[in-house]
C-alpha atoms as a PDB file:
ATOM      1  CA  MET A   1      79.877 102.126  90.366  1.00  0.00           C
ATOM      2  CA  LYS A   2      82.536 100.956  87.894  1.00  0.00           C
ATOM      3  CA  ILE A   3      85.835 100.939  89.796  1.00  0.00           C
ATOM      4  CA  SER A   4      87.001 100.687  93.411  1.00  0.00           C
ATOM      5  CA  VAL A   5      90.444 102.214  93.959  1.00  0.00           C
ATOM      6  CA  ILE A   6      92.313 100.513  96.797  1.00  0.00           C
ATOM      7  CA  VAL A   7      95.253 102.247  98.479  1.00  0.00           C
ATOM      8  CA  ALA A   8      97.344 100.570 101.175  1.00  0.00           C
ATOM      9  CA  SER A   9      99.106 103.469 102.868  1.00  0.00           C
ATOM     10  CA  HIS A  10     101.829 103.890 105.465  1.00  0.00           C
ATOM     11  CA  ARG A  11     103.211 107.243 104.236  1.00  0.00           C
ATOM     12  CA  SER A  12     100.902 110.005 105.426  1.00  0.00           C
ATOM     13  CA  ASP A  13     103.196 112.679 103.970  1.00  0.00           C
ATOM     14  CA  PHE A  14     102.797 111.313 100.420  1.00  0.00           C
ATOM     15  CA  ILE A  15      99.160 110.383 100.110  1.00  0.00           C
ATOM     16  CA  ALA A  16      97.761 113.879  99.534  1.00  0.00           C
ATOM     17  CA  ASN A  17      99.403 114.080  96.099  1.00  0.00           C
ATOM     18  CA  LEU A  18      97.866 110.749  95.137  1.00  0.00           C
ATOM     19  CA  LEU A  19      94.386 111.690  96.362  1.00  0.00           C
ATOM     20  CA  ASP A  20      94.542 115.021  94.540  1.00  0.00           C
ATOM     21  CA  SER A  21      95.384 113.173  91.322  1.00  0.00           C
ATOM     22  CA  LEU A  22      92.425 110.835  91.865  1.00  0.00           C
ATOM     23  CA  ALA A  23      90.146 113.826  92.407  1.00  0.00           C
ATOM     24  CA  ALA A  24      91.254 115.140  89.001  1.00  0.00           C
ATOM     25  CA  GLN A  25      90.272 111.993  87.073  1.00  0.00           C
ATOM     26  CA  SER A  26      88.392 112.386  83.796  1.00  0.00           C
ATOM     27  CA  LEU A  27      86.087 109.516  84.788  1.00  0.00           C
ATOM     28  CA  ASP A  28      82.859 110.711  86.391  1.00  0.00           C
ATOM     29  CA  PRO A  29      83.389 110.769  90.203  1.00  0.00           C
ATOM     30  CA  ALA A  30      80.092 108.911  90.592  1.00  0.00           C
ATOM     31  CA  GLU A  31      81.620 105.971  88.701  1.00  0.00           C
ATOM     32  CA  PHE A  32      84.423 105.200  91.157  1.00  0.00           C
ATOM     33  CA  GLU A  33      85.219 105.116  94.857  1.00  0.00           C
ATOM     34  CA  VAL A  34      88.504 105.382  96.750  1.00  0.00           C
ATOM     35  CA  ILE A  35      89.263 103.317  99.845  1.00  0.00           C
ATOM     36  CA  VAL A  36      92.427 104.013 101.838  1.00  0.00           C
ATOM     37  CA  ALA A  37      93.569 101.477 104.429  1.00  0.00           C
ATOM     38  CA  ALA A  38      96.228 103.170 106.552  1.00  0.00           C
ATOM     39  CA  ASP A  39      98.320 102.299 109.592  1.00  0.00           C
ATOM     40  CA  TYR A  40      98.655 105.901 110.844  1.00  0.00           C
ATOM     41  CA  LYS A  41      96.289 108.460 112.372  1.00  0.00           C
ATOM     42  CA  ILE A  42      93.730 109.370 109.729  1.00  0.00           C
ATOM     43  CA  GLU A  43      91.619 112.047 111.457  1.00  0.00           C
ATOM     44  CA  THR A  44      93.249 115.076 109.785  1.00  0.00           C
ATOM     45  CA  LEU A  45      93.140 113.501 106.340  1.00  0.00           C
ATOM     46  CA  GLN A  46      89.522 112.448 106.878  1.00  0.00           C
ATOM     47  CA  HIS A  47      88.547 116.100 107.304  1.00  0.00           C
ATOM     48  CA  ARG A  48      90.558 117.146 104.248  1.00  0.00           C
ATOM     49  CA  TYR A  49      89.224 114.324 102.035  1.00  0.00           C
ATOM     50  CA  PRO A  50      85.727 113.512 103.333  1.00  0.00           C
ATOM     51  CA  HIS A  51      84.727 111.782 100.078  1.00  0.00           C
ATOM     52  CA  ILE A  52      87.373 109.083 100.637  1.00  0.00           C
ATOM     53  CA  ARG A  53      86.538 105.990 102.657  1.00  0.00           C
ATOM     54  CA  TRP A  54      89.227 105.737 105.335  1.00  0.00           C
ATOM     55  CA  GLU A  55      89.982 102.519 107.179  1.00  0.00           C
ATOM     56  CA  PHE A  56      92.521 102.318 109.986  1.00  0.00           C
ATOM     57  CA  LEU A  57      94.437  99.071 110.349  1.00  0.00           C
ATOM     58  CA  ASP A  58      97.013  98.728 113.109  1.00  0.00           C
ATOM     59  CA  ASP A  59      99.107  96.431 110.958  1.00  0.00           C
ATOM     60  CA  HIS A  60     102.059  97.289 108.706  1.00  0.00           C
ATOM     61  CA  SER A  61     101.245  94.370 106.386  1.00  0.00           C
ATOM     62  CA  ILE A  62     100.540  95.742 102.935  1.00  0.00           C
ATOM     63  CA  SER A  63      98.587  92.596 102.032  1.00  0.00           C
ATOM     64  CA  ALA A  64      96.309  92.955 105.062  1.00  0.00           C
ATOM     65  CA  LYS A  65      95.617  96.592 104.190  1.00  0.00           C
ATOM     66  CA  ARG A  66      94.738  95.792 100.596  1.00  0.00           C
ATOM     67  CA  ASN A  67      92.454  92.943 101.628  1.00  0.00           C
ATOM     68  CA  LYS A  68      90.706  95.259 104.071  1.00  0.00           C
ATOM     69  CA  GLY A  69      90.245  97.824 101.322  1.00  0.00           C
ATOM     70  CA  VAL A  70      88.758  95.223  98.997  1.00  0.00           C
ATOM     71  CA  PHE A  71      86.443  94.019 101.775  1.00  0.00           C
ATOM     72  CA  HIS A  72      84.906  97.489 102.007  1.00  0.00           C
ATOM     73  CA  SER A  73      84.750  98.043  98.232  1.00  0.00           C
ATOM     74  CA  ARG A  74      81.712  97.710  95.956  1.00  0.00           C
ATOM     75  CA  ALA A  75      82.753  97.768  92.290  1.00  0.00           C
ATOM     76  CA  ASP A  76      83.465  94.839  89.966  1.00  0.00           C
ATOM     77  CA  ILE A  77      86.843  96.282  88.963  1.00  0.00           C
ATOM     78  CA  LEU A  78      89.521  96.685  91.632  1.00  0.00           C
ATOM     79  CA  ALA A  79      92.238  99.270  91.005  1.00  0.00           C
ATOM     80  CA  PHE A  80      95.450  99.145  93.025  1.00  0.00           C
ATOM     81  CA  ILE A  81      97.853 102.050  93.369  1.00  0.00           C
ATOM     82  CA  ASP A  82     100.482 103.011  95.970  1.00  0.00           C
ATOM     83  CA  ASP A  83     100.532 106.132  98.116  1.00  0.00           C
ATOM     84  CA  ASP A  84     103.823 107.301  96.551  1.00  0.00           C
ATOM     85  CA  CYS A  85     102.311 107.400  93.052  1.00  0.00           C
ATOM     86  CA  ILE A  86     100.411 110.036  91.087  1.00  0.00           C
ATOM     87  CA  ALA A  87      97.698 108.930  88.670  1.00  0.00           C
ATOM     88  CA  ASP A  88      97.391 110.346  85.167  1.00  0.00           C
ATOM     89  CA  PRO A  89      94.057 112.198  84.684  1.00  0.00           C
ATOM     90  CA  ASN A  90      92.868 109.427  82.327  1.00  0.00           C
ATOM     91  CA  TRP A  91      94.157 106.566  84.486  1.00  0.00           C
ATOM     92  CA  LEU A  92      90.763 105.210  85.511  1.00  0.00           C
ATOM     93  CA  LYS A  93      88.996 105.943  82.222  1.00  0.00           C
ATOM     94  CA  ASN A  94      91.650 104.233  80.112  1.00  0.00           C
ATOM     95  CA  ALA A  95      91.687 101.176  82.366  1.00  0.00           C
ATOM     96  CA  TYR A  96      87.906 100.865  82.327  1.00  0.00           C
ATOM     97  CA  ASP A  97      87.796 101.281  78.548  1.00  0.00           C
ATOM     98  CA  TYR A  98      90.490  98.631  78.096  1.00  0.00           C
ATOM     99  CA  LEU A  99      88.802  96.041  80.293  1.00  0.00           C
ATOM    100  CA  SER A 100      85.444  96.764  78.661  1.00  0.00           C
ATOM    101  CA  ALA A 101      86.994  96.164  75.234  1.00  0.00           C
ATOM    102  CA  HIS A 102      88.805  93.010  76.400  1.00  0.00           C
ATOM    103  CA  PRO A 103      86.331  90.925  78.420  1.00  0.00           C
ATOM    104  CA  GLU A 104      88.686  87.939  78.181  1.00  0.00           C
ATOM    105  CA  CYS A 105      91.225  89.716  80.419  1.00  0.00           C
ATOM    106  CA  ALA A 106      91.178  89.095  84.153  1.00  0.00           C
ATOM    107  CA  ALA A 107      93.464  92.051  84.785  1.00  0.00           C
ATOM    108  CA  VAL A 108      95.423  94.792  83.084  1.00  0.00           C
ATOM    109  CA  GLU A 109      98.675  96.372  84.221  1.00  0.00           C
ATOM    110  CA  GLY A 110      99.562  99.943  83.320  1.00  0.00           C
ATOM    111  CA  PHE A 111     102.784 101.805  82.602  1.00  0.00           C
ATOM    112  CA  THR A 112     104.663 103.348  85.520  1.00  0.00           C
ATOM    113  CA  SER A 113     107.118 106.177  84.907  1.00  0.00           C
ATOM    114  CA  ILE A 114     109.670 107.301  87.482  1.00  0.00           C
ATOM    115  CA  GLU A 115     109.857 110.875  88.703  1.00  0.00           C
ATOM    116  CA  THR A 116     113.236 112.232  87.565  1.00  0.00           C
ATOM    117  CA  ALA A 117     113.170 115.989  88.122  1.00  0.00           C
ATOM    118  CA  VAL A 118     114.169 115.919  91.797  1.00  0.00           C
ATOM    119  CA  ALA A 119     117.573 114.282  92.053  1.00  0.00           C
ATOM    120  CA  ASN A 120     119.244 112.260  89.337  1.00  0.00           C
ATOM    121  CA  THR A 121     121.410 109.988  91.486  1.00  0.00           C
ATOM    122  CA  GLY A 122     122.800 106.620  90.454  1.00  0.00           C
ATOM    123  CA  LEU A 123     119.951 105.016  92.375  1.00  0.00           C
ATOM    124  CA  LEU A 124     117.588 106.221  89.657  1.00  0.00           C
ATOM    125  CA  LYS A 125     118.805 103.383  87.423  1.00  0.00           C
ATOM    126  CA  GLU A 126     117.548 100.867  89.977  1.00  0.00           C
ATOM    127  CA  TYR A 127     114.204 102.651  90.290  1.00  0.00           C
ATOM    128  CA  LYS A 128     113.841 102.434  86.508  1.00  0.00           C
ATOM    129  CA  ARG A 129     113.113  98.731  86.922  1.00  0.00           C
ATOM    130  CA  LEU A 130     109.598  99.800  87.959  1.00  0.00           C
ATOM    131  CA  GLU A 131     109.004 100.970  84.386  1.00  0.00           C
ATOM    132  CA  LYS A 132     109.064  97.357  83.199  1.00  0.00           C
ATOM    133  CA  PRO A 133     105.926  95.193  83.532  1.00  0.00           C
ATOM    134  CA  GLY A 134     105.999  93.048  86.659  1.00  0.00           C
ATOM    135  CA  PHE A 135     102.403  92.702  87.933  1.00  0.00           C
ATOM    136  CA  ARG A 136     103.117  95.412  90.531  1.00  0.00           C
ATOM    137  CA  THR A 137     100.174  96.654  92.549  1.00  0.00           C
ATOM    138  CA  ASN A 138     101.140 100.291  92.192  1.00  0.00           C
ATOM    139  CA  ASN A 139      99.317 100.293  88.833  1.00  0.00           C
ATOM    140  CA  ILE A 140      97.111  97.303  88.092  1.00  0.00           C
ATOM    141  CA  PHE A 141      93.390  96.535  87.724  1.00  0.00           C
ATOM    142  CA  TYR A 142      91.753  93.185  88.588  1.00  0.00           C
ATOM    143  CA  ARG A 143      88.250  91.916  88.033  1.00  0.00           C
ATOM    144  CA  ARG A 144      86.713  91.203  91.417  1.00  0.00           C
ATOM    145  CA  GLU A 145      85.408  87.768  90.437  1.00  0.00           C
ATOM    146  CA  LEU A 146      88.827  86.204  89.884  1.00  0.00           C
ATOM    147  CA  PHE A 147      90.413  88.182  92.739  1.00  0.00           C
ATOM    148  CA  VAL A 148      87.912  86.591  95.121  1.00  0.00           C
ATOM    149  CA  LYS A 149      88.275  83.174  93.489  1.00  0.00           C
ATOM    150  CA  VAL A 150      92.032  83.020  94.226  1.00  0.00           C
ATOM    151  CA  GLY A 151      91.540  84.266  97.792  1.00  0.00           C
ATOM    152  CA  GLY A 152      92.876  87.803  97.437  1.00  0.00           C
ATOM    153  CA  PHE A 153      96.283  88.684  98.821  1.00  0.00           C
ATOM    154  CA  ASP A 154      98.125  86.039 100.820  1.00  0.00           C
ATOM    155  CA  GLU A 155      98.819  87.910 104.060  1.00  0.00           C
ATOM    156  CA  ARG A 156     101.947  85.895 104.737  1.00  0.00           C
ATOM    157  CA  PHE A 157     103.568  88.267 102.218  1.00  0.00           C
ATOM    158  CA  SER A 158     103.600  91.257 104.537  1.00  0.00           C
ATOM    159  CA  VAL A 159     105.910  93.636 102.650  1.00  0.00           C
ATOM    160  CA  GLN A 160     106.941  92.180  99.291  1.00  0.00           C
ATOM    161  CA  ARG A 161     106.070  89.646  96.564  1.00  0.00           C
ATOM    162  CA  GLU A 162     102.353  89.841  97.433  1.00  0.00           C
ATOM    163  CA  ASP A 163     101.663  91.358  94.014  1.00  0.00           C
ATOM    164  CA  ALA A 164     103.514  88.624  92.118  1.00  0.00           C
ATOM    165  CA  ASP A 165     101.783  85.969  94.227  1.00  0.00           C
ATOM    166  CA  LEU A 166      98.342  87.347  93.362  1.00  0.00           C
ATOM    167  CA  ALA A 167      99.197  87.576  89.662  1.00  0.00           C
ATOM    168  CA  PHE A 168     100.631  84.056  89.577  1.00  0.00           C
ATOM    169  CA  SER A 169      97.502  82.707  91.309  1.00  0.00           C
ATOM    170  CA  VAL A 170      95.299  84.433  88.738  1.00  0.00           C
ATOM    171  CA  ILE A 171      97.369  83.062  85.837  1.00  0.00           C
ATOM    172  CA  GLU A 172      97.284  79.539  87.292  1.00  0.00           C
ATOM    173  CA  ASN A 173      93.490  79.809  87.478  1.00  0.00           C
ATOM    174  CA  GLY A 174      93.265  80.595  83.781  1.00  0.00           C
ATOM    175  CA  GLY A 175      93.248  84.386  84.053  1.00  0.00           C
ATOM    176  CA  LYS A 176      94.887  86.552  81.402  1.00  0.00           C
ATOM    177  CA  ILE A 177      96.807  89.642  82.513  1.00  0.00           C
ATOM    178  CA  ASP A 178      97.415  92.253  79.816  1.00  0.00           C
ATOM    179  CA  PHE A 179      99.597  95.346  79.697  1.00  0.00           C
ATOM    180  CA  CYS A 180      98.407  98.733  78.427  1.00  0.00           C
ATOM    181  CA  SER A 181     100.817 101.664  78.175  1.00  0.00           C
ATOM    182  CA  ASP A 182      97.944 104.191  78.140  1.00  0.00           C
ATOM    183  CA  ILE A 183      97.134 103.391  81.781  1.00  0.00           C
ATOM    184  CA  ARG A 184      99.758 105.612  83.357  1.00  0.00           C
ATOM    185  CA  VAL A 185     100.969 106.587  86.815  1.00  0.00           C
ATOM    186  CA  LYS A 186     104.085 108.380  87.987  1.00  0.00           C
ATOM    187  CA  HIS A 187     106.085 106.842  90.839  1.00  0.00           C
ATOM    188  CA  ARG A 188     107.867 109.095  93.313  1.00  0.00           C
ATOM    189  CA  PHE A 189     111.649 108.728  93.368  1.00  0.00           C
ATOM    190  CA  ARG A 190     112.531 108.358  97.049  1.00  0.00           C
ATOM    191  CA  TYR A 191     116.183 109.295  96.569  1.00  0.00           C
ATOM    192  CA  TRP A 192     116.625 110.307 100.204  1.00  0.00           C
ATOM    193  CA  GLU A 193     116.248 106.789 101.600  1.00  0.00           C
ATOM    194  CA  ARG A 194     119.556 105.476 102.920  1.00  0.00           C
ATOM    195  CA  TRP A 195     119.047 101.800 103.677  1.00  0.00           C
ATOM    196  CA  ASP A 196     116.694 100.858 100.843  1.00  0.00           C
ATOM    197  CA  LEU A 197     119.165  98.333  99.373  1.00  0.00           C
ATOM    198  CA  LEU A 198     119.437  96.395 102.625  1.00  0.00           C
ATOM    199  CA  LYS A 199     115.672  96.566 103.185  1.00  0.00           C
ATOM    200  CA  ASN A 200     115.064  95.126  99.728  1.00  0.00           C
ATOM    201  CA  CYS A 201     117.652  92.424 100.357  1.00  0.00           C
ATOM    202  CA  TRP A 202     116.005  91.475 103.651  1.00  0.00           C
ATOM    203  CA  ASN A 203     112.603  91.370 101.940  1.00  0.00           C
ATOM    204  CA  ARG A 204     113.914  88.488  99.828  1.00  0.00           C
ATOM    205  CA  ARG A 205     112.893  86.302 102.759  1.00  0.00           C
ATOM    206  CA  PHE A 206     109.506  86.018 101.042  1.00  0.00           C
ATOM    207  CA  ASP A 207     110.956  84.568  97.831  1.00  0.00           C
ATOM    208  CA  PRO A 208     111.035  80.980  99.168  1.00  0.00           C
ATOM    209  CA  LEU A 209     107.279  81.202  99.842  1.00  0.00           C
ATOM    210  CA  LEU A 210     106.599  82.558  96.364  1.00  0.00           C
ATOM    211  CA  TYR A 211     108.786  79.826  94.860  1.00  0.00           C
ATOM    212  CA  LYS A 212     107.020  77.192  96.955  1.00  0.00           C
ATOM    213  CA  LYS A 213     103.587  78.286  95.731  1.00  0.00           C
ATOM    214  CA  HIS A 214     104.473  78.957  92.085  1.00  0.00           C
ATOM    215  CA  PRO A 215     107.790  77.266  91.139  1.00  0.00           C
ATOM    216  CA  GLN A 216     107.319  77.403  87.366  1.00  0.00           C
ATOM    217  CA  LEU A 217     106.050  80.975  87.193  1.00  0.00           C
ATOM    218  CA  TYR A 218     108.746  82.109  89.639  1.00  0.00           C
ATOM    219  CA  ARG A 219     111.478  80.790  87.341  1.00  0.00           C
ATOM    220  CA  LYS A 220     109.726  82.216  84.279  1.00  0.00           C
ATOM    221  CA  TYR A 221     109.205  85.772  85.521  1.00  0.00           C
ATOM    222  CA  ILE A 222     111.670  86.273  88.398  1.00  0.00           C
ATOM    223  CA  ARG A 223     114.275  83.579  87.665  1.00  0.00           C
ATOM    224  CA  THR A 224     116.483  84.226  90.707  1.00  0.00           C
ATOM    225  CA  PRO A 225     116.296  86.282  93.920  1.00  0.00           C
ATOM    226  CA  LEU A 226     119.846  87.532  93.271  1.00  0.00           C
ATOM    227  CA  THR A 227     120.703  90.600  91.185  1.00  0.00           C
ATOM    228  CA  PRO A 228     123.846  90.637  88.983  1.00  0.00           C
ATOM    229  CA  SER A 229     125.607  92.921  91.487  1.00  0.00           C
ATOM    230  CA  ILE A 230     124.775  90.619  94.397  1.00  0.00           C
ATOM    231  CA  ILE A 231     125.985  87.619  92.388  1.00  0.00           C
ATOM    232  CA  ALA A 232     129.287  89.363  91.599  1.00  0.00           C
ATOM    233  CA  LEU A 233     129.883  90.327  95.224  1.00  0.00           C
ATOM    234  CA  SER A 234     128.834  86.923  96.516  1.00  0.00           C
ATOM    235  CA  GLY A 235     131.325  85.347  94.135  1.00  0.00           C
ATOM    236  CA  THR A 236     134.192  87.412  95.517  1.00  0.00           C
ATOM    237  CA  TYR A 237     133.166  86.599  99.104  1.00  0.00           C
ATOM    238  CA  LEU A 238     133.089  82.919  98.207  1.00  0.00           C
ATOM    239  CA  LEU A 239     136.546  83.243  96.678  1.00  0.00           C
ATOM    240  CA  LEU A 240     137.741  84.861  99.891  1.00  0.00           C
ATOM    241  CA  ILE A 241     136.461  81.899 101.908  1.00  0.00           C
ATOM    242  CA  LEU A 242     138.094  79.412  99.538  1.00  0.00           C
ATOM    243  CA  ALA A 243     141.342  81.395  99.458  1.00  0.00           C
ATOM    244  CA  SER A 244     141.563  81.226 103.244  1.00  0.00           C
ATOM    245  CA  PHE A 245     142.412  77.540 102.865  1.00  0.00           C
ATOM    246  CA  PHE A 246     145.409  78.366 100.697  1.00  0.00           C
ATOM    247  CA  SER A 247     148.198  80.946 100.691  1.00  0.00           C
ATOM    248  CA  VAL A 248     148.196  84.434 102.183  1.00  0.00           C
ATOM    249  CA  THR A 249     148.997  85.777  98.717  1.00  0.00           C
ATOM    250  CA  ARG A 250     145.737  84.462  97.333  1.00  0.00           C
ATOM    251  CA  ILE A 251     143.797  85.953 100.236  1.00  0.00           C
ATOM    252  CA  LYS A 252     145.381  89.325  99.518  1.00  0.00           C
ATOM    253  CA  SER A 253     144.449  89.015  95.838  1.00  0.00           C
ATOM    254  CA  VAL A 254     140.794  88.355  96.626  1.00  0.00           C
ATOM    255  CA  ILE A 255     140.692  91.194  99.164  1.00  0.00           C
ATOM    256  CA  LEU A 256     142.123  93.452  96.472  1.00  0.00           C
ATOM    257  CA  ILE A 257     139.321  92.413  94.117  1.00  0.00           C
ATOM    258  CA  ASN A 258     136.746  93.222  96.807  1.00  0.00           C
ATOM    259  CA  THR A 259     138.271  96.617  97.508  1.00  0.00           C
ATOM    260  CA  PHE A 260     137.799  97.385  93.818  1.00  0.00           C
ATOM    261  CA  ILE A 261     134.293  95.981  93.243  1.00  0.00           C
ATOM    262  CA  ILE A 262     132.628  97.399  96.369  1.00  0.00           C
ATOM    263  CA  PRO A 263     133.581 101.066  95.727  1.00  0.00           C
ATOM    264  CA  VAL A 264     132.618 100.741  92.050  1.00  0.00           C
ATOM    265  CA  LEU A 265     129.146  99.460  92.952  1.00  0.00           C
ATOM    266  CA  ALA A 266     128.780 102.098  95.678  1.00  0.00           C
ATOM    267  CA  PHE A 267     129.753 104.896  93.273  1.00  0.00           C
ATOM    268  CA  ARG A 268     127.307 103.485  90.736  1.00  0.00           C
ATOM    269  CA  ARG A 269     124.452 103.772  93.249  1.00  0.00           C
ATOM    270  CA  THR A 270     125.547 107.215  94.445  1.00  0.00           C
ATOM    271  CA  GLY A 271     126.095 108.819  91.039  1.00  0.00           C
ATOM    272  CA  TRP A 272     128.029 111.990  90.310  1.00  0.00           C
ATOM    273  CA  ILE A 273     125.064 114.341  90.065  1.00  0.00           C
ATOM    274  CA  ASN A 274     124.154 115.622  93.540  1.00  0.00           C
ATOM    275  CA  PHE A 275     127.091 113.611  94.886  1.00  0.00           C
ATOM    276  CA  SER A 276     127.591 113.574  98.657  1.00  0.00           C
ATOM    277  CA  LEU A 277     130.134 111.797 100.837  1.00  0.00           C
ATOM    278  CA  GLU A 278     127.414 110.922 103.326  1.00  0.00           C
ATOM    279  CA  TYR A 279     125.382 109.114 100.673  1.00  0.00           C
ATOM    280  CA  LEU A 280     128.505 107.357  99.398  1.00  0.00           C
ATOM    281  CA  PHE A 281     129.268 106.214 102.945  1.00  0.00           C
ATOM    282  CA  PHE A 282     125.810 104.659 103.315  1.00  0.00           C
ATOM    283  CA  ASN A 283     126.151 102.969  99.932  1.00  0.00           C
ATOM    284  CA  LEU A 284     129.577 101.526 100.782  1.00  0.00           C
ATOM    285  CA  ILE A 285     128.114  99.910 103.890  1.00  0.00           C
ATOM    286  CA  SER A 286     124.976  98.749 102.062  1.00  0.00           C
ATOM    287  CA  VAL A 287     126.851  97.231  99.131  1.00  0.00           C
ATOM    288  CA  SER A 288     129.306  95.463 101.454  1.00  0.00           C
ATOM    289  CA  LEU A 289     126.544  93.911 103.557  1.00  0.00           C
ATOM    290  CA  ALA A 290     124.012  93.210 100.789  1.00  0.00           C
ATOM    291  CA  PRO A 291     125.183  89.654  99.901  1.00  0.00           C
ATOM    292  CA  LEU A 292     125.197  88.653 103.567  1.00  0.00           C
ATOM    293  CA  VAL A 293     121.723  90.109 104.154  1.00  0.00           C
ATOM    294  CA  VAL A 294     120.320  88.353 101.070  1.00  0.00           C
ATOM    295  CA  VAL A 295     121.761  85.002 102.143  1.00  0.00           C
ATOM    296  CA  LEU A 296     120.381  85.459 105.667  1.00  0.00           C
ATOM    297  CA  ALA A 297     116.979  86.468 104.236  1.00  0.00           C
ATOM    298  CA  LEU A 298     116.803  83.427 101.956  1.00  0.00           C
ATOM    299  CA  LEU A 299     117.857  81.088 104.748  1.00  0.00           C
ATOM    300  CA  THR A 300     115.259  82.643 107.064  1.00  0.00           C
ATOM    301  CA  GLY A 301     112.538  82.295 104.443  1.00  0.00           C
ATOM    302  CA  SER A 302     113.593  78.766 103.513  1.00  0.00           C
ATOM    303  CA  ILE A 303     113.309  77.666 107.141  1.00  0.00           C
ATOM    304  CA  ARG A 304     110.100  79.564 107.866  1.00  0.00           C
ATOM    305  CA  PHE A 305     108.256  78.422 104.749  1.00  0.00           C
ATOM    306  CA  LYS A 306     109.893  74.988 104.490  1.00  0.00           C
ATOM    307  CA  LYS A 307     111.141  75.524 100.947  1.00  0.00           C
ATOM    308  CA  ILE A 308     114.804  75.884 100.069  1.00  0.00           C
ATOM    309  CA  LEU A 309     115.647  78.705  97.665  1.00  0.00           C
ATOM    310  CA  ILE A 310     119.189  80.036  97.376  1.00  0.00           C
ATOM    311  CA  ILE A 311     119.663  80.872  93.688  1.00  0.00           C
END
């Protein structure tokens, strides 16, 4: 047994495509196993994919699911992929060959491409960030020895930043994490989601914990929890607050700036291809509320984890 593939799943409607891609791997099926830790009913999928080890976990925490998958795994190499991804036929073989040729590496991250054929909305530009290396657990391989040494996934990170935390812990323990573009997966483009911006903003509540544990690596790789768009909007909101202490004319000027910036950012997310007023409406609300949600998330995380992080 060379590789254990760990999948933390909460999307039962997506996972079949992933499992089919794993069944089509060029690596001998006897050389790898697949463990799926899911928080939904697994009986139907168990019958369809009897060769997969299924584990039910009544917990939406992605870290808890991955740890459970690792607990039931057997191989010395742990492969992590998400249920909304599709593995290239040589995904496992190329990763195994790379780690075999580079014994000094504790882990190797692969290249993730974004599905583009479905709907080319403005949101696609934001999804493209996944094509840049970032230690994401939708396409990364760890050696079990160092994974166990650092304690696996910190389950306080229930929905985000758990992958960066693991990588930072490995690096701080002397592990080297490489990148190999031949280790490829395709990530589904979930263009139909309406509140993804606000969900991502709210998930920033875990950034104070990550910063508390790894301050230097956080500033090196992440730098700030705020995106340029959030910074721009936050600046105009701050101007509005400051202008309220002065003349009505200045308040009107700042409001005018906001009424320009918010629609521009909303149109940018919506895009002109497959444009819909409904989607634009959701984006107008999301963009308007995003700075407030981020600030609330960072304050919540700062209080909960006793580490202040605002910018």
